[in-house]
Amino acid sequence: YFELFEVMFRTGSLVFGGEQVVLPMLQAEVVPSWMNKDQFLQGFGLAQLMPGSFLNFSSYLGGVHRGVAGGLLAYLGMFAPGVILTFGM
């Protein structure tokens, strides 16, 4: 689970200028070790259909890799850098 959180935290710390900036980095990290390319693209399509931030895609990636707990951990890892910067911790 630490690897999952670390990948999402590192990726989340680079999101400046829009979420699509980190899409190639996410793909390089998770394909083919966590999922195949078709699963990645299907999740990307679903994330585009959902309202809200594209970063919800991180929950899908974590969920496919490690189940519900992985989805929650990936979501927290992706948003943690922004929260830390916002509150200046």
N, C-alpha and C. Protein backbone atom coordinates (compact mmCIF):
# COMPACT_ATOMS: atom_id res chain seq x y z
N TYR A 1 0.81 -1.21 0.00
CA TYR A 1 0.00 0.00 0.00
C TYR A 1 0.85 1.26 0.00
N PHE A 2 2.06 1.16 0.56
CA PHE A 2 2.93 2.34 0.60
C PHE A 2 3.30 2.78 -0.81
N GLU A 3 3.58 1.82 -1.69
CA GLU A 3 3.93 2.17 -3.08
C GLU A 3 2.79 2.91 -3.76
N LEU A 4 1.57 2.45 -3.54
CA LEU A 4 0.39 3.10 -4.11
C LEU A 4 0.29 4.54 -3.63
N PHE A 5 0.40 4.75 -2.33
CA PHE A 5 0.32 6.10 -1.78
C PHE A 5 1.46 6.96 -2.30
N GLU A 6 2.66 6.40 -2.36
CA GLU A 6 3.83 7.17 -2.81
C GLU A 6 3.70 7.62 -4.25
N VAL A 7 3.21 6.74 -5.12
CA VAL A 7 3.03 7.10 -6.54
C VAL A 7 2.01 8.22 -6.66
N MET A 8 0.90 8.10 -5.97
CA MET A 8 -0.15 9.11 -6.06
C MET A 8 0.28 10.43 -5.41
N PHE A 9 1.01 10.36 -4.30
CA PHE A 9 1.50 11.58 -3.66
C PHE A 9 2.48 12.31 -4.56
N ARG A 10 3.39 11.56 -5.15
CA ARG A 10 4.38 12.17 -6.06
C ARG A 10 3.70 12.79 -7.27
N THR A 11 2.72 12.09 -7.82
CA THR A 11 2.00 12.60 -8.98
C THR A 11 1.16 13.82 -8.58
N GLY A 12 0.49 13.74 -7.44
CA GLY A 12 -0.32 14.86 -6.98
C GLY A 12 0.47 16.11 -6.69
N SER A 13 1.72 15.96 -6.34
CA SER A 13 2.55 17.13 -6.06
C SER A 13 2.96 17.87 -7.33
N LEU A 14 2.74 17.27 -8.49
CA LEU A 14 3.11 17.89 -9.76
C LEU A 14 1.92 18.46 -10.52
N VAL A 15 0.74 18.44 -9.93
CA VAL A 15 -0.45 18.92 -10.63
C VAL A 15 -0.53 20.44 -10.51
N PHE A 16 0.03 21.10 -11.51
CA PHE A 16 -0.09 22.54 -11.64
C PHE A 16 -0.47 22.82 -13.08
N GLY A 17 -1.56 23.53 -13.29
CA GLY A 17 -1.98 23.85 -14.64
C GLY A 17 -3.00 22.90 -15.20
N GLY A 18 -3.54 22.03 -14.42
CA GLY A 18 -4.57 21.10 -14.89
C GLY A 18 -4.18 19.66 -14.65
N GLU A 19 -5.21 18.86 -14.47
CA GLU A 19 -4.97 17.46 -14.13
C GLU A 19 -4.42 16.64 -15.28
N GLN A 20 -4.75 17.01 -16.52
CA GLN A 20 -4.28 16.23 -17.66
C GLN A 20 -2.77 16.27 -17.82
N VAL A 21 -2.12 17.18 -17.12
CA VAL A 21 -0.66 17.28 -17.18
C VAL A 21 0.00 16.00 -16.67
N VAL A 22 -0.60 15.37 -15.68
CA VAL A 22 0.02 14.20 -15.06
C VAL A 22 -0.46 12.88 -15.66
N LEU A 23 -1.33 12.93 -16.65
CA LEU A 23 -1.84 11.70 -17.25
C LEU A 23 -0.74 10.81 -17.82
N PRO A 24 0.22 11.34 -18.59
CA PRO A 24 1.31 10.47 -19.07
C PRO A 24 2.15 9.89 -17.93
N MET A 25 2.34 10.66 -16.87
CA MET A 25 3.11 10.15 -15.73
C MET A 25 2.36 9.01 -15.04
N LEU A 26 1.05 9.18 -14.86
CA LEU A 26 0.25 8.11 -14.27
C LEU A 26 0.29 6.85 -15.13
N GLN A 27 0.17 7.04 -16.44
CA GLN A 27 0.20 5.88 -17.32
C GLN A 27 1.54 5.16 -17.25
N ALA A 28 2.62 5.91 -17.19
CA ALA A 28 3.94 5.28 -17.10
C ALA A 28 4.12 4.53 -15.78
N GLU A 29 3.48 5.01 -14.71
CA GLU A 29 3.61 4.37 -13.41
C GLU A 29 2.78 3.10 -13.28
N VAL A 30 1.56 3.11 -13.82
CA VAL A 30 0.63 2.01 -13.54
C VAL A 30 0.52 0.97 -14.65
N VAL A 31 0.85 1.34 -15.89
CA VAL A 31 0.78 0.37 -17.00
C VAL A 31 2.19 -0.11 -17.28
N PRO A 32 2.51 -1.35 -17.34
CA PRO A 32 1.70 -2.56 -17.20
C PRO A 32 1.77 -3.19 -15.81
N SER A 33 2.39 -2.53 -14.83
CA SER A 33 2.59 -3.20 -13.54
C SER A 33 1.31 -3.38 -12.73
N TRP A 34 0.40 -2.41 -12.75
CA TRP A 34 -0.82 -2.52 -11.95
C TRP A 34 -2.01 -2.98 -12.77
N MET A 35 -2.05 -2.59 -14.05
CA MET A 35 -3.17 -2.92 -14.93
C MET A 35 -2.71 -2.83 -16.37
N ASN A 36 -3.52 -3.34 -17.27
CA ASN A 36 -3.15 -3.24 -18.68
C ASN A 36 -3.65 -1.91 -19.26
N LYS A 37 -3.23 -1.63 -20.47
CA LYS A 37 -3.55 -0.35 -21.10
C LYS A 37 -5.05 -0.17 -21.31
N ASP A 38 -5.76 -1.26 -21.65
CA ASP A 38 -7.21 -1.16 -21.86
C ASP A 38 -7.93 -0.75 -20.57
N GLN A 39 -7.55 -1.34 -19.44
CA GLN A 39 -8.16 -0.96 -18.17
C GLN A 39 -7.89 0.51 -17.85
N PHE A 40 -6.68 0.96 -18.13
CA PHE A 40 -6.31 2.35 -17.88
C PHE A 40 -7.18 3.29 -18.72
N LEU A 41 -7.31 2.98 -20.00
CA LEU A 41 -8.09 3.85 -20.89
C LEU A 41 -9.58 3.80 -20.57
N GLN A 42 -10.09 2.64 -20.15
CA GLN A 42 -11.49 2.56 -19.74
C GLN A 42 -11.75 3.42 -18.51
N GLY A 43 -10.85 3.37 -17.56
CA GLY A 43 -10.98 4.21 -16.37
C GLY A 43 -10.89 5.69 -16.71
N PHE A 44 -10.02 6.03 -17.63
CA PHE A 44 -9.89 7.42 -18.07
C PHE A 44 -11.19 7.89 -18.70
N GLY A 45 -11.80 7.04 -19.52
CA GLY A 45 -13.09 7.37 -20.13
C GLY A 45 -14.17 7.57 -19.09
N LEU A 46 -14.21 6.71 -18.08
CA LEU A 46 -15.19 6.86 -17.01
C LEU A 46 -14.96 8.14 -16.22
N ALA A 47 -13.71 8.47 -15.97
CA ALA A 47 -13.39 9.69 -15.22
C ALA A 47 -13.82 10.94 -16.00
N GLN A 48 -13.75 10.88 -17.31
CA GLN A 48 -14.18 12.02 -18.12
C GLN A 48 -15.70 12.18 -18.10
N LEU A 49 -16.42 11.09 -17.90
CA LEU A 49 -17.88 11.15 -17.84
C LEU A 49 -18.40 11.69 -16.52
N MET A 50 -17.61 11.52 -15.46
CA MET A 50 -18.06 11.92 -14.12
C MET A 50 -17.88 13.41 -13.92
N PRO A 51 -18.82 14.03 -13.20
CA PRO A 51 -18.62 15.45 -12.86
C PRO A 51 -17.54 15.58 -11.79
N GLY A 52 -16.93 16.72 -11.76
CA GLY A 52 -15.92 16.96 -10.73
C GLY A 52 -14.52 16.85 -11.29
N SER A 53 -13.60 16.79 -10.39
CA SER A 53 -12.19 16.79 -10.73
C SER A 53 -11.77 15.50 -11.44
N PHE A 54 -10.90 15.64 -12.38
CA PHE A 54 -10.33 14.49 -13.08
C PHE A 54 -9.49 13.63 -12.12
N LEU A 55 -9.06 14.22 -11.02
CA LEU A 55 -8.23 13.48 -10.08
C LEU A 55 -8.98 12.35 -9.39
N ASN A 56 -10.30 12.30 -9.56
CA ASN A 56 -11.05 11.15 -9.05
C ASN A 56 -10.61 9.87 -9.76
N PHE A 57 -9.94 10.01 -10.86
CA PHE A 57 -9.37 8.89 -11.60
C PHE A 57 -8.40 8.10 -10.72
N SER A 58 -7.77 8.79 -9.77
CA SER A 58 -6.84 8.11 -8.87
C SER A 58 -7.54 7.04 -8.04
N SER A 59 -8.81 7.28 -7.66
CA SER A 59 -9.55 6.26 -6.90
C SER A 59 -9.76 5.02 -7.74
N TYR A 60 -10.04 5.22 -9.02
CA TYR A 60 -10.21 4.08 -9.92
C TYR A 60 -8.91 3.28 -10.01
N LEU A 61 -7.81 3.98 -10.20
CA LEU A 61 -6.52 3.30 -10.33
C LEU A 61 -6.18 2.51 -9.07
N GLY A 62 -6.37 3.13 -7.92
CA GLY A 62 -6.10 2.44 -6.67
C GLY A 62 -7.06 1.29 -6.43
N GLY A 63 -8.32 1.48 -6.82
CA GLY A 63 -9.32 0.43 -6.65
C GLY A 63 -9.05 -0.79 -7.50
N VAL A 64 -8.63 -0.58 -8.73
CA VAL A 64 -8.31 -1.71 -9.60
C VAL A 64 -7.08 -2.43 -9.07
N HIS A 65 -6.14 -1.68 -8.54
CA HIS A 65 -4.88 -2.29 -8.08
C HIS A 65 -5.03 -2.98 -6.72
N ARG A 66 -5.73 -2.35 -5.76
CA ARG A 66 -5.77 -2.88 -4.39
C ARG A 66 -7.16 -2.91 -3.76
N GLY A 67 -8.22 -2.79 -4.52
CA GLY A 67 -9.56 -2.86 -3.97
C GLY A 67 -10.02 -1.53 -3.38
N VAL A 68 -11.04 -1.59 -2.55
CA VAL A 68 -11.64 -0.39 -1.98
C VAL A 68 -10.63 0.39 -1.13
N ALA A 69 -9.87 -0.30 -0.31
CA ALA A 69 -8.87 0.38 0.51
C ALA A 69 -7.83 1.08 -0.36
N GLY A 70 -7.45 0.44 -1.46
CA GLY A 70 -6.50 1.06 -2.38
C GLY A 70 -7.08 2.29 -3.04
N GLY A 71 -8.36 2.25 -3.36
CA GLY A 71 -9.01 3.41 -3.95
C GLY A 71 -9.02 4.61 -3.01
N LEU A 72 -9.33 4.36 -1.75
CA LEU A 72 -9.32 5.44 -0.76
C LEU A 72 -7.91 5.98 -0.52
N LEU A 73 -6.97 5.09 -0.44
CA LEU A 73 -5.58 5.50 -0.22
C LEU A 73 -5.03 6.29 -1.41
N ALA A 74 -5.36 5.86 -2.62
CA ALA A 74 -4.91 6.59 -3.81
C ALA A 74 -5.52 7.98 -3.87
N TYR A 75 -6.78 8.07 -3.51
CA TYR A 75 -7.47 9.37 -3.49
C TYR A 75 -6.80 10.31 -2.49
N LEU A 76 -6.54 9.79 -1.30
CA LEU A 76 -5.87 10.61 -0.28
C LEU A 76 -4.46 11.01 -0.72
N GLY A 77 -3.75 10.07 -1.31
CA GLY A 77 -2.40 10.36 -1.77
C GLY A 77 -2.36 11.42 -2.86
N MET A 78 -3.35 11.42 -3.74
CA MET A 78 -3.38 12.39 -4.83
C MET A 78 -3.70 13.80 -4.32
N PHE A 79 -4.58 13.90 -3.32
CA PHE A 79 -4.99 15.21 -2.83
C PHE A 79 -4.15 15.72 -1.66
N ALA A 80 -3.36 14.88 -1.03
CA ALA A 80 -2.59 15.29 0.14
C ALA A 80 -1.61 16.44 -0.14
N PRO A 81 -0.87 16.44 -1.25
CA PRO A 81 0.06 17.56 -1.47
C PRO A 81 -0.64 18.90 -1.56
N GLY A 82 -1.78 18.96 -2.22
CA GLY A 82 -2.53 20.21 -2.31
C GLY A 82 -3.06 20.68 -0.98
N VAL A 83 -3.53 19.74 -0.17
CA VAL A 83 -4.04 20.09 1.16
C VAL A 83 -2.90 20.59 2.04
N ILE A 84 -1.76 19.94 1.97
CA ILE A 84 -0.60 20.37 2.76
C ILE A 84 -0.16 21.76 2.36
N LEU A 85 -0.12 22.05 1.06
CA LEU A 85 0.25 23.38 0.59
C LEU A 85 -0.77 24.42 0.99
N THR A 86 -2.05 24.06 0.94
CA THR A 86 -3.10 25.01 1.28
C THR A 86 -3.02 25.45 2.74
N PHE A 87 -2.80 24.50 3.63
CA PHE A 87 -2.77 24.82 5.04
C PHE A 87 -1.36 25.16 5.54
N GLY A 88 -0.37 25.09 4.67
CA GLY A 88 0.99 25.51 5.01
C GLY A 88 1.67 24.70 6.08
N MET A 89 1.42 23.41 6.08
CA MET A 89 2.02 22.56 7.13
C MET A 89 3.42 22.21 6.75
